[in-house]
Amino acid sequence: MRNLKPCPFCGEKDALKCEVRTSRDNVQEGWIECQNCGARGQTEYGQCPPDEMISLTHYGWNERAAEQSDA
């Protein structure tokens, strides 16, 4: 899990936690949350093996929209 970009708000990298849960209808939900500042990435949904869901969640965190400046 250490291949994640740092938190876009506080810059923390070691406090990132991946959460994956399965709902009653067998749909997985996954997200990355910063345990330092509470920032949370988008929730990813899927019906796949847990390791694939973790990869999808990591991808969603790392490929989030970049901050754009008004320069």
PDB file of N, CA and C in Angstrom:
ATOM      1  N   MET A   1       0.816  -1.198   0.000  1.00  0.00           N
ATOM      2  CA  MET A   1       0.000   0.000   0.000  1.00  0.00           C
ATOM      3  C   MET A   1       0.856   1.256   0.000  1.00  0.00           C
ATOM      4  N   ARG A   2       2.120   1.149   0.104  1.00  0.00           N
ATOM      5  CA  ARG A   2       2.973   2.335   0.157  1.00  0.00           C
ATOM      6  C   ARG A   2       3.206   2.951  -1.210  1.00  0.00           C
ATOM      7  N   ASN A   3       2.550   2.487  -2.250  1.00  0.00           N
ATOM      8  CA  ASN A   3       2.679   3.080  -3.574  1.00  0.00           C
ATOM      9  C   ASN A   3       1.616   4.138  -3.799  1.00  0.00           C
ATOM     10  N   LEU A   4       1.121   4.724  -2.730  1.00  0.00           N
ATOM     11  CA  LEU A   4       0.079   5.740  -2.826  1.00  0.00           C
ATOM     12  C   LEU A   4       0.687   7.140  -2.813  1.00  0.00           C
ATOM     13  N   LYS A   5       0.041   8.049  -3.542  1.00  0.00           N
ATOM     14  CA  LYS A   5       0.441   9.450  -3.485  1.00  0.00           C
ATOM     15  C   LYS A   5       0.106   9.983  -2.097  1.00  0.00           C
ATOM     16  N   PRO A   6       0.829  11.010  -1.652  1.00  0.00           N
ATOM     17  CA  PRO A   6       0.524  11.585  -0.343  1.00  0.00           C
ATOM     18  C   PRO A   6      -0.855  12.249  -0.334  1.00  0.00           C
ATOM     19  N   CYS A   7      -1.356  12.483   0.861  1.00  0.00           N
ATOM     20  CA  CYS A   7      -2.640  13.165   1.023  1.00  0.00           C
ATOM     21  C   CYS A   7      -2.551  14.551   0.381  1.00  0.00           C
ATOM     22  N   PRO A   8      -3.546  14.937  -0.423  1.00  0.00           N
ATOM     23  CA  PRO A   8      -3.482  16.239  -1.086  1.00  0.00           C
ATOM     24  C   PRO A   8      -3.705  17.414  -0.125  1.00  0.00           C
ATOM     25  N   PHE A   9      -4.138  17.144   1.094  1.00  0.00           N
ATOM     26  CA  PHE A   9      -4.421  18.224   2.037  1.00  0.00           C
ATOM     27  C   PHE A   9      -3.320  18.429   3.062  1.00  0.00           C
ATOM     28  N   CYS A  10      -2.809  17.341   3.645  1.00  0.00           N
ATOM     29  CA  CYS A  10      -1.790  17.493   4.694  1.00  0.00           C
ATOM     30  C   CYS A  10      -0.427  16.961   4.267  1.00  0.00           C
ATOM     31  N   GLY A  11      -0.348  16.265   3.133  1.00  0.00           N
ATOM     32  CA  GLY A  11       0.921  15.749   2.635  1.00  0.00           C
ATOM     33  C   GLY A  11       1.378  14.450   3.281  1.00  0.00           C
ATOM     34  N   GLU A  12       0.590  13.921   4.203  1.00  0.00           N
ATOM     35  CA  GLU A  12       0.941  12.690   4.918  1.00  0.00           C
ATOM     36  C   GLU A  12       0.871  11.496   3.974  1.00  0.00           C
ATOM     37  N   LYS A  13       1.796  10.580   4.135  1.00  0.00           N
ATOM     38  CA  LYS A  13       1.779   9.361   3.326  1.00  0.00           C
ATOM     39  C   LYS A  13       1.670   8.115   4.207  1.00  0.00           C
ATOM     40  N   ASP A  14       2.253   8.159   5.387  1.00  0.00           N
ATOM     41  CA  ASP A  14       2.254   6.991   6.265  1.00  0.00           C
ATOM     42  C   ASP A  14       0.937   6.797   7.009  1.00  0.00           C
ATOM     43  N   ALA A  15       0.054   7.791   6.998  1.00  0.00           N
ATOM     44  CA  ALA A  15      -1.206   7.692   7.738  1.00  0.00           C
ATOM     45  C   ALA A  15      -2.379   7.314   6.838  1.00  0.00           C
ATOM     46  N   LEU A  16      -2.105   6.887   5.607  1.00  0.00           N
ATOM     47  CA  LEU A  16      -3.180   6.522   4.688  1.00  0.00           C
ATOM     48  C   LEU A  16      -3.658   5.108   4.983  1.00  0.00           C
ATOM     49  N   LYS A  17      -4.967   4.936   4.992  1.00  0.00           N
ATOM     50  CA  LYS A  17      -5.560   3.634   5.291  1.00  0.00           C
ATOM     51  C   LYS A  17      -6.557   3.272   4.204  1.00  0.00           C
ATOM     52  N   CYS A  18      -6.450   2.057   3.709  1.00  0.00           N
ATOM     53  CA  CYS A  18      -7.376   1.550   2.692  1.00  0.00           C
ATOM     54  C   CYS A  18      -8.502   0.796   3.398  1.00  0.00           C
ATOM     55  N   GLU A  19      -9.730   1.186   3.105  1.00  0.00           N
ATOM     56  CA  GLU A  19     -10.907   0.511   3.661  1.00  0.00           C
ATOM     57  C   GLU A  19     -11.649  -0.180   2.521  1.00  0.00           C
ATOM     58  N   VAL A  20     -11.963  -1.449   2.704  1.00  0.00           N
ATOM     59  CA  VAL A  20     -12.778  -2.194   1.739  1.00  0.00           C
ATOM     60  C   VAL A  20     -13.842  -2.936   2.518  1.00  0.00           C
ATOM     61  N   ARG A  21     -15.089  -2.737   2.115  1.00  0.00           N
ATOM     62  CA  ARG A  21     -16.215  -3.403   2.779  1.00  0.00           C
ATOM     63  C   ARG A  21     -17.107  -4.040   1.727  1.00  0.00           C
ATOM     64  N   THR A  22     -17.810  -5.068   2.128  1.00  0.00           N
ATOM     65  CA  THR A  22     -18.755  -5.743   1.241  1.00  0.00           C
ATOM     66  C   THR A  22     -20.158  -5.523   1.773  1.00  0.00           C
ATOM     67  N   SER A  23     -21.055  -5.074   0.900  1.00  0.00           N
ATOM     68  CA  SER A  23     -22.439  -4.838   1.299  1.00  0.00           C
ATOM     69  C   SER A  23     -23.227  -6.143   1.306  1.00  0.00           C
ATOM     70  N   ARG A  24     -24.443  -6.069   1.766  1.00  0.00           N
ATOM     71  CA  ARG A  24     -25.291  -7.271   1.826  1.00  0.00           C
ATOM     72  C   ARG A  24     -25.546  -7.884   0.451  1.00  0.00           C
ATOM     73  N   ASP A  25     -25.552  -7.051  -0.578  1.00  0.00           N
ATOM     74  CA  ASP A  25     -25.799  -7.570  -1.929  1.00  0.00           C
ATOM     75  C   ASP A  25     -24.498  -7.898  -2.666  1.00  0.00           C
ATOM     76  N   ASN A  26     -23.415  -8.141  -1.905  1.00  0.00           N
ATOM     77  CA  ASN A  26     -22.125  -8.585  -2.437  1.00  0.00           C
ATOM     78  C   ASN A  26     -21.411  -7.570  -3.323  1.00  0.00           C
ATOM     79  N   VAL A  27     -21.651  -6.300  -3.104  1.00  0.00           N
ATOM     80  CA  VAL A  27     -20.925  -5.250  -3.815  1.00  0.00           C
ATOM     81  C   VAL A  27     -19.874  -4.694  -2.863  1.00  0.00           C
ATOM     82  N   GLN A  28     -18.632  -4.637  -3.336  1.00  0.00           N
ATOM     83  CA  GLN A  28     -17.564  -4.079  -2.515  1.00  0.00           C
ATOM     84  C   GLN A  28     -17.513  -2.572  -2.673  1.00  0.00           C
ATOM     85  N   GLU A  29     -17.175  -1.912  -1.584  1.00  0.00           N
ATOM     86  CA  GLU A  29     -16.919  -0.483  -1.576  1.00  0.00           C
ATOM     87  C   GLU A  29     -15.516  -0.303  -1.024  1.00  0.00           C
ATOM     88  N   GLY A  30     -14.737   0.557  -1.638  1.00  0.00           N
ATOM     89  CA  GLY A  30     -13.387   0.794  -1.154  1.00  0.00           C
ATOM     90  C   GLY A  30     -13.006   2.255  -1.276  1.00  0.00           C
ATOM     91  N   TRP A  31     -12.177   2.727  -0.336  1.00  0.00           N
ATOM     92  CA  TRP A  31     -11.694   4.093  -0.365  1.00  0.00           C
ATOM     93  C   TRP A  31     -10.412   4.184   0.433  1.00  0.00           C
ATOM     94  N   ILE A  32      -9.700   5.283   0.230  1.00  0.00           N
ATOM     95  CA  ILE A  32      -8.502   5.592   0.991  1.00  0.00           C
ATOM     96  C   ILE A  32      -8.854   6.765   1.900  1.00  0.00           C
ATOM     97  N   GLU A  33      -8.429   6.671   3.165  1.00  0.00           N
ATOM     98  CA  GLU A  33      -8.679   7.747   4.113  1.00  0.00           C
ATOM     99  C   GLU A  33      -7.382   8.105   4.821  1.00  0.00           C
ATOM    100  N   CYS A  34      -7.150   9.398   4.992  1.00  0.00           N
ATOM    101  CA  CYS A  34      -5.983   9.869   5.721  1.00  0.00           C
ATOM    102  C   CYS A  34      -6.326   9.898   7.201  1.00  0.00           C
ATOM    103  N   GLN A  35      -5.583   9.143   7.989  1.00  0.00           N
ATOM    104  CA  GLN A  35      -5.812   9.089   9.426  1.00  0.00           C
ATOM    105  C   GLN A  35      -5.273  10.328  10.135  1.00  0.00           C
ATOM    106  N   ASN A  36      -4.531  11.171   9.420  1.00  0.00           N
ATOM    107  CA  ASN A  36      -3.981  12.393  10.002  1.00  0.00           C
ATOM    108  C   ASN A  36      -4.989  13.543   9.945  1.00  0.00           C
ATOM    109  N   CYS A  37      -5.573  13.800   8.768  1.00  0.00           N
ATOM    110  CA  CYS A  37      -6.466  14.955   8.620  1.00  0.00           C
ATOM    111  C   CYS A  37      -7.909  14.577   8.303  1.00  0.00           C
ATOM    112  N   GLY A  38      -8.175  13.303   8.019  1.00  0.00           N
ATOM    113  CA  GLY A  38      -9.539  12.861   7.752  1.00  0.00           C
ATOM    114  C   GLY A  38      -9.972  12.943   6.299  1.00  0.00           C
ATOM    115  N   ALA A  39      -9.084  13.387   5.423  1.00  0.00           N
ATOM    116  CA  ALA A  39      -9.436  13.441   3.998  1.00  0.00           C
ATOM    117  C   ALA A  39      -9.742  12.040   3.501  1.00  0.00           C
ATOM    118  N   ARG A  40     -10.710  11.956   2.611  1.00  0.00           N
ATOM    119  CA  ARG A  40     -11.119  10.647   2.095  1.00  0.00           C
ATOM    120  C   ARG A  40     -11.267  10.725   0.586  1.00  0.00           C
ATOM    121  N   GLY A  41     -10.717   9.739  -0.093  1.00  0.00           N
ATOM    122  CA  GLY A  41     -10.828   9.685  -1.546  1.00  0.00           C
ATOM    123  C   GLY A  41     -12.205   9.209  -1.969  1.00  0.00           C
ATOM    124  N   GLN A  42     -12.423   9.227  -3.251  1.00  0.00           N
ATOM    125  CA  GLN A  42     -13.720   8.783  -3.766  1.00  0.00           C
ATOM    126  C   GLN A  42     -13.942   7.317  -3.458  1.00  0.00           C
ATOM    127  N   THR A  43     -15.190   6.936  -3.327  1.00  0.00           N
ATOM    128  CA  THR A  43     -15.528   5.542  -3.080  1.00  0.00           C
ATOM    129  C   THR A  43     -15.594   4.809  -4.409  1.00  0.00           C
ATOM    130  N   GLU A  44     -14.893   3.703  -4.488  1.00  0.00           N
ATOM    131  CA  GLU A  44     -14.904   2.842  -5.668  1.00  0.00           C
ATOM    132  C   GLU A  44     -15.834   1.670  -5.381  1.00  0.00           C
ATOM    133  N   TYR A  45     -16.582   1.234  -6.380  1.00  0.00           N
ATOM    134  CA  TYR A  45     -17.516   0.122  -6.235  1.00  0.00           C
ATOM    135  C   TYR A  45     -17.163  -0.975  -7.218  1.00  0.00           C
ATOM    136  N   GLY A  46     -17.380  -2.221  -6.844  1.00  0.00           N
ATOM    137  CA  GLY A  46     -17.118  -3.323  -7.749  1.00  0.00           C
ATOM    138  C   GLY A  46     -17.552  -4.654  -7.177  1.00  0.00           C
ATOM    139  N   GLN A  47     -17.590  -5.624  -8.042  1.00  0.00           N
ATOM    140  CA  GLN A  47     -17.845  -7.006  -7.645  1.00  0.00           C
ATOM    141  C   GLN A  47     -16.659  -7.813  -8.159  1.00  0.00           C
ATOM    142  N   CYS A  48     -15.595  -7.814  -7.389  1.00  0.00           N
ATOM    143  CA  CYS A  48     -14.360  -8.465  -7.790  1.00  0.00           C
ATOM    144  C   CYS A  48     -13.677  -9.022  -6.539  1.00  0.00           C
ATOM    145  N   PRO A  49     -12.657  -9.838  -6.715  1.00  0.00           N
ATOM    146  CA  PRO A  49     -11.918 -10.355  -5.561  1.00  0.00           C
ATOM    147  C   PRO A  49     -11.328  -9.200  -4.741  1.00  0.00           C
ATOM    148  N   PRO A  50     -11.135  -9.412  -3.436  1.00  0.00           N
ATOM    149  CA  PRO A  50     -10.630  -8.344  -2.562  1.00  0.00           C
ATOM    150  C   PRO A  50      -9.325  -7.698  -3.019  1.00  0.00           C
ATOM    151  N   ASP A  51      -8.377  -8.483  -3.525  1.00  0.00           N
ATOM    152  CA  ASP A  51      -7.112  -7.887  -3.964  1.00  0.00           C
ATOM    153  C   ASP A  51      -7.311  -6.966  -5.165  1.00  0.00           C
ATOM    154  N   GLU A  52      -8.248  -7.294  -6.050  1.00  0.00           N
ATOM    155  CA  GLU A  52      -8.546  -6.421  -7.180  1.00  0.00           C
ATOM    156  C   GLU A  52      -9.244  -5.154  -6.714  1.00  0.00           C
ATOM    157  N   MET A  53     -10.096  -5.270  -5.701  1.00  0.00           N
ATOM    158  CA  MET A  53     -10.786  -4.104  -5.164  1.00  0.00           C
ATOM    159  C   MET A  53      -9.790  -3.152  -4.524  1.00  0.00           C
ATOM    160  N   ILE A  54      -8.807  -3.690  -3.822  1.00  0.00           N
ATOM    161  CA  ILE A  54      -7.764  -2.853  -3.222  1.00  0.00           C
ATOM    162  C   ILE A  54      -6.983  -2.131  -4.315  1.00  0.00           C
ATOM    163  N   SER A  55      -6.649  -2.829  -5.386  1.00  0.00           N
ATOM    164  CA  SER A  55      -5.939  -2.202  -6.510  1.00  0.00           C
ATOM    165  C   SER A  55      -6.776  -1.097  -7.141  1.00  0.00           C
ATOM    166  N   LEU A  56      -8.066  -1.332  -7.311  1.00  0.00           N
ATOM    167  CA  LEU A  56      -8.966  -0.329  -7.877  1.00  0.00           C
ATOM    168  C   LEU A  56      -9.036   0.895  -6.975  1.00  0.00           C
ATOM    169  N   THR A  57      -9.092   0.674  -5.676  1.00  0.00           N
ATOM    170  CA  THR A  57      -9.144   1.772  -4.716  1.00  0.00           C
ATOM    171  C   THR A  57      -7.851   2.586  -4.749  1.00  0.00           C
ATOM    172  N   HIS A  58      -6.708   1.902  -4.814  1.00  0.00           N
ATOM    173  CA  HIS A  58      -5.419   2.592  -4.908  1.00  0.00           C
ATOM    174  C   HIS A  58      -5.344   3.407  -6.195  1.00  0.00           C
ATOM    175  N   TYR A  59      -5.804   2.828  -7.292  1.00  0.00           N
ATOM    176  CA  TYR A  59      -5.799   3.534  -8.573  1.00  0.00           C
ATOM    177  C   TYR A  59      -6.637   4.807  -8.480  1.00  0.00           C
ATOM    178  N   GLY A  60      -7.827   4.701  -7.886  1.00  0.00           N
ATOM    179  CA  GLY A  60      -8.702   5.872  -7.740  1.00  0.00           C
ATOM    180  C   GLY A  60      -8.042   6.986  -6.943  1.00  0.00           C
ATOM    181  N   TRP A  61      -7.300   6.619  -5.892  1.00  0.00           N
ATOM    182  CA  TRP A  61      -6.607   7.615  -5.073  1.00  0.00           C
ATOM    183  C   TRP A  61      -5.477   8.266  -5.870  1.00  0.00           C
ATOM    184  N   ASN A  62      -4.685   7.465  -6.524  1.00  0.00           N
ATOM    185  CA  ASN A  62      -3.531   7.984  -7.246  1.00  0.00           C
ATOM    186  C   ASN A  62      -3.878   8.749  -8.502  1.00  0.00           C
ATOM    187  N   GLU A  63      -5.007   8.474  -9.109  1.00  0.00           N
ATOM    188  CA  GLU A  63      -5.386   9.120 -10.363  1.00  0.00           C
ATOM    189  C   GLU A  63      -6.436  10.210 -10.155  1.00  0.00           C
ATOM    190  N   ARG A  64      -6.569  10.681  -8.922  1.00  0.00           N
ATOM    191  CA  ARG A  64      -7.543  11.742  -8.648  1.00  0.00           C
ATOM    192  C   ARG A  64      -7.185  12.976  -9.464  1.00  0.00           C
ATOM    193  N   ALA A  65      -8.159  13.830  -9.645  1.00  0.00           N
ATOM    194  CA  ALA A  65      -7.941  15.046 -10.425  1.00  0.00           C
ATOM    195  C   ALA A  65      -6.872  15.902  -9.771  1.00  0.00           C
ATOM    196  N   ALA A  66      -5.976  16.393 -10.568  1.00  0.00           N
ATOM    197  CA  ALA A  66      -4.916  17.251 -10.049  1.00  0.00           C
ATOM    198  C   ALA A  66      -5.465  18.647  -9.800  1.00  0.00           C
ATOM    199  N   GLU A  67      -4.947  19.291  -8.783  1.00  0.00           N
ATOM    200  CA  GLU A  67      -5.344  20.673  -8.497  1.00  0.00           C
ATOM    201  C   GLU A  67      -4.857  21.556  -9.632  1.00  0.00           C
ATOM    202  N   GLN A  68      -5.721  22.445 -10.084  1.00  0.00           N
ATOM    203  CA  GLN A  68      -5.352  23.317 -11.191  1.00  0.00           C
ATOM    204  C   GLN A  68      -5.245  24.744 -10.684  1.00  0.00           C
ATOM    205  N   SER A  69      -4.222  25.441 -11.131  1.00  0.00           N
ATOM    206  CA  SER A  69      -4.061  26.828 -10.722  1.00  0.00           C
ATOM    207  C   SER A  69      -4.710  27.735 -11.762  1.00  0.00           C
ATOM    208  N   ASP A  70      -5.078  28.899 -11.326  1.00  0.00           N
ATOM    209  CA  ASP A  70      -5.698  29.883 -12.228  1.00  0.00           C
ATOM    210  C   ASP A  70      -4.656  30.851 -12.766  1.00  0.00           C
ATOM    211  N   ALA A  71      -3.474  30.372 -13.041  1.00  0.00           N
ATOM    212  CA  ALA A  71      -2.376  31.225 -13.494  1.00  0.00           C
ATOM    213  C   ALA A  71      -2.567  31.688 -14.897  1.00  0.00           C
TER     214      ALA A  71
END
